[in-house]
Amino acid sequence: MPVTTESPPLRFEQALAELEAILRELEDGTTSLEDALARYERGVGLLRNCYSQLRDAEQKVKLLAGLTDDGGADLKPFDHVASIETAKAAVRKSTKPSRDSGIQE
């Protein structure tokens, strides 16, 4: 009996990078029909893998967000656009000494 060893699924970033490479190859138009179909098939598999990982990540975020008092999902808006300025502002805000800190200037 032949033993099939499946490799672990690619990380999201790796799958996305390979998918982008396949897209460039197919858009280039220099591959044969057979190769193009094989690359397309691989791309579909990678796309399914990416969607699956995104779905799993979404579920984890929902779980981490917690539940409301009535048992519903306590979903909070997620600001996915971060910048160094907002991070610096948050650090300055949290480390600003209060006037009653007892430290004399």
C-alpha atoms as a PDB file:
ATOM      1  CA  MET A   1       0.000   0.000   0.000  1.00  0.00           C
ATOM      2  CA  PRO A   2       1.375   3.443  -0.881  1.00  0.00           C
ATOM      3  CA  VAL A   3       1.626   5.752   2.073  1.00  0.00           C
ATOM      4  CA  THR A   4       0.435   9.277   1.404  1.00  0.00           C
ATOM      5  CA  THR A   5       1.923  11.914   3.611  1.00  0.00           C
ATOM      6  CA  GLU A   6       0.016  15.131   3.540  1.00  0.00           C
ATOM      7  CA  SER A   7       2.017  18.211   4.255  1.00  0.00           C
ATOM      8  CA  PRO A   8       0.601  20.607   6.821  1.00  0.00           C
ATOM      9  CA  PRO A   9      -1.527  23.382   5.343  1.00  0.00           C
ATOM     10  CA  LEU A  10       0.319  26.504   4.321  1.00  0.00           C
ATOM     11  CA  ARG A  11       0.154  29.546   6.515  1.00  0.00           C
ATOM     12  CA  PHE A  12      -2.212  32.203   5.206  1.00  0.00           C
ATOM     13  CA  GLU A  13       0.587  34.497   4.057  1.00  0.00           C
ATOM     14  CA  GLN A  14       2.377  31.678   2.233  1.00  0.00           C
ATOM     15  CA  ALA A  15      -0.812  30.545   0.488  1.00  0.00           C
ATOM     16  CA  LEU A  16      -1.636  34.104  -0.528  1.00  0.00           C
ATOM     17  CA  ALA A  17       1.872  34.667  -1.916  1.00  0.00           C
ATOM     18  CA  GLU A  18       1.689  31.460  -3.948  1.00  0.00           C
ATOM     19  CA  LEU A  19      -1.777  32.391  -5.173  1.00  0.00           C
ATOM     20  CA  GLU A  20      -0.475  35.775  -6.343  1.00  0.00           C
ATOM     21  CA  ALA A  21       2.400  34.056  -8.175  1.00  0.00           C
ATOM     22  CA  ILE A  22      -0.058  31.719  -9.919  1.00  0.00           C
ATOM     23  CA  LEU A  23      -2.187  34.678 -10.927  1.00  0.00           C
ATOM     24  CA  ARG A  24       0.832  36.419 -12.460  1.00  0.00           C
ATOM     25  CA  GLU A  25       1.754  33.234 -14.361  1.00  0.00           C
ATOM     26  CA  LEU A  26      -1.766  32.833 -15.731  1.00  0.00           C
ATOM     27  CA  GLU A  27      -2.036  36.505 -16.672  1.00  0.00           C
ATOM     28  CA  ASP A  28       1.318  36.272 -18.459  1.00  0.00           C
ATOM     29  CA  GLY A  29      -0.195  33.773 -20.890  1.00  0.00           C
ATOM     30  CA  THR A  30       3.029  31.902 -21.583  1.00  0.00           C
ATOM     31  CA  THR A  31       1.993  28.616 -19.966  1.00  0.00           C
ATOM     32  CA  SER A  32       0.546  25.732 -21.937  1.00  0.00           C
ATOM     33  CA  LEU A  33      -3.112  24.856 -21.560  1.00  0.00           C
ATOM     34  CA  GLU A  34      -2.305  21.803 -19.426  1.00  0.00           C
ATOM     35  CA  ASP A  35      -0.002  23.785 -17.171  1.00  0.00           C
ATOM     36  CA  ALA A  36      -2.515  26.623 -16.942  1.00  0.00           C
ATOM     37  CA  LEU A  37      -5.262  24.210 -15.872  1.00  0.00           C
ATOM     38  CA  ALA A  38      -2.982  22.608 -13.287  1.00  0.00           C
ATOM     39  CA  ARG A  39      -1.982  26.035 -11.922  1.00  0.00           C
ATOM     40  CA  TYR A  40      -5.641  27.109 -11.893  1.00  0.00           C
ATOM     41  CA  GLU A  41      -6.561  23.975  -9.937  1.00  0.00           C
ATOM     42  CA  ARG A  42      -3.768  24.671  -7.439  1.00  0.00           C
ATOM     43  CA  GLY A  43      -4.979  28.271  -7.148  1.00  0.00           C
ATOM     44  CA  VAL A  44      -8.528  27.148  -6.365  1.00  0.00           C
ATOM     45  CA  GLY A  45      -7.179  24.916  -3.593  1.00  0.00           C
ATOM     46  CA  LEU A  46      -5.100  27.765  -2.195  1.00  0.00           C
ATOM     47  CA  LEU A  47      -8.083  30.106  -2.331  1.00  0.00           C
ATOM     48  CA  ARG A  48     -10.208  27.615  -0.391  1.00  0.00           C
ATOM     49  CA  ASN A  49      -7.408  27.294   2.145  1.00  0.00           C
ATOM     50  CA  CYS A  50      -7.242  31.085   2.556  1.00  0.00           C
ATOM     51  CA  TYR A  51     -11.010  31.402   2.958  1.00  0.00           C
ATOM     52  CA  SER A  52     -11.003  28.602   5.512  1.00  0.00           C
ATOM     53  CA  GLN A  53      -8.271  30.277   7.547  1.00  0.00           C
ATOM     54  CA  LEU A  54     -10.069  33.626   7.374  1.00  0.00           C
ATOM     55  CA  ARG A  55     -13.306  31.995   8.514  1.00  0.00           C
ATOM     56  CA  ASP A  56     -11.464  30.351  11.434  1.00  0.00           C
ATOM     57  CA  ALA A  57      -9.860  33.660  12.394  1.00  0.00           C
ATOM     58  CA  GLU A  58     -13.245  35.375  12.296  1.00  0.00           C
ATOM     59  CA  GLN A  59     -14.662  32.740  14.645  1.00  0.00           C
ATOM     60  CA  LYS A  60     -11.768  33.234  17.061  1.00  0.00           C
ATOM     61  CA  VAL A  61     -12.343  36.990  17.069  1.00  0.00           C
ATOM     62  CA  LYS A  62     -16.025  36.409  17.810  1.00  0.00           C
ATOM     63  CA  LEU A  63     -15.147  34.105  20.690  1.00  0.00           C
ATOM     64  CA  LEU A  64     -12.610  36.537  22.101  1.00  0.00           C
ATOM     65  CA  ALA A  65     -15.102  39.393  21.911  1.00  0.00           C
ATOM     66  CA  GLY A  66     -17.291  37.643  24.489  1.00  0.00           C
ATOM     67  CA  LEU A  67     -21.044  37.612  25.078  1.00  0.00           C
ATOM     68  CA  THR A  68     -23.560  40.220  26.152  1.00  0.00           C
ATOM     69  CA  ASP A  69     -25.824  39.837  29.187  1.00  0.00           C
ATOM     70  CA  ASP A  70     -28.586  38.320  27.053  1.00  0.00           C
ATOM     71  CA  GLY A  71     -26.214  35.719  25.566  1.00  0.00           C
ATOM     72  CA  GLY A  72     -25.755  37.423  22.199  1.00  0.00           C
ATOM     73  CA  ALA A  73     -22.403  38.032  20.627  1.00  0.00           C
ATOM     74  CA  ASP A  74     -20.707  41.117  22.011  1.00  0.00           C
ATOM     75  CA  LEU A  75     -19.123  42.183  18.758  1.00  0.00           C
ATOM     76  CA  LYS A  76     -17.143  45.376  18.772  1.00  0.00           C
ATOM     77  CA  PRO A  77     -16.055  47.288  15.695  1.00  0.00           C
ATOM     78  CA  PHE A  78     -12.548  46.372  14.715  1.00  0.00           C
ATOM     79  CA  ASP A  79     -10.428  49.176  13.337  1.00  0.00           C
ATOM     80  CA  HIS A  80      -8.004  47.321  11.116  1.00  0.00           C
ATOM     81  CA  VAL A  81      -6.193  50.452   9.961  1.00  0.00           C
ATOM     82  CA  ALA A  82      -3.387  51.174  12.346  1.00  0.00           C
ATOM     83  CA  SER A  83      -0.724  53.789  12.118  1.00  0.00           C
ATOM     84  CA  ILE A  84       2.325  54.639  14.112  1.00  0.00           C
ATOM     85  CA  GLU A  85       0.776  57.988  15.050  1.00  0.00           C
ATOM     86  CA  THR A  86      -2.252  56.393  16.715  1.00  0.00           C
ATOM     87  CA  ALA A  87       0.010  53.930  18.542  1.00  0.00           C
ATOM     88  CA  LYS A  88       2.246  56.761  19.782  1.00  0.00           C
ATOM     89  CA  ALA A  89      -0.795  58.762  20.878  1.00  0.00           C
ATOM     90  CA  ALA A  90      -2.131  55.775  22.824  1.00  0.00           C
ATOM     91  CA  VAL A  91       1.227  55.297  24.565  1.00  0.00           C
ATOM     92  CA  ARG A  92       1.524  58.997  25.408  1.00  0.00           C
ATOM     93  CA  LYS A  93      -2.019  59.022  26.749  1.00  0.00           C
ATOM     94  CA  SER A  94      -1.461  56.011  29.004  1.00  0.00           C
ATOM     95  CA  THR A  95       1.956  57.124  30.307  1.00  0.00           C
ATOM     96  CA  LYS A  96       1.149  60.794  30.919  1.00  0.00           C
ATOM     97  CA  PRO A  97       1.782  61.435  34.634  1.00  0.00           C
ATOM     98  CA  SER A  98      -1.108  62.821  36.598  1.00  0.00           C
ATOM     99  CA  ARG A  99      -0.780  66.122  38.448  1.00  0.00           C
ATOM    100  CA  ASP A 100      -1.263  64.362  41.772  1.00  0.00           C
ATOM    101  CA  SER A 101       1.535  61.865  41.202  1.00  0.00           C
ATOM    102  CA  GLY A 102       3.701  63.375  43.941  1.00  0.00           C
ATOM    103  CA  ILE A 103       6.528  64.022  41.495  1.00  0.00           C
ATOM    104  CA  GLN A 104       7.724  67.584  41.620  1.00  0.00           C
ATOM    105  CA  GLU A 105       8.989  69.133  38.456  1.00  0.00           C
END
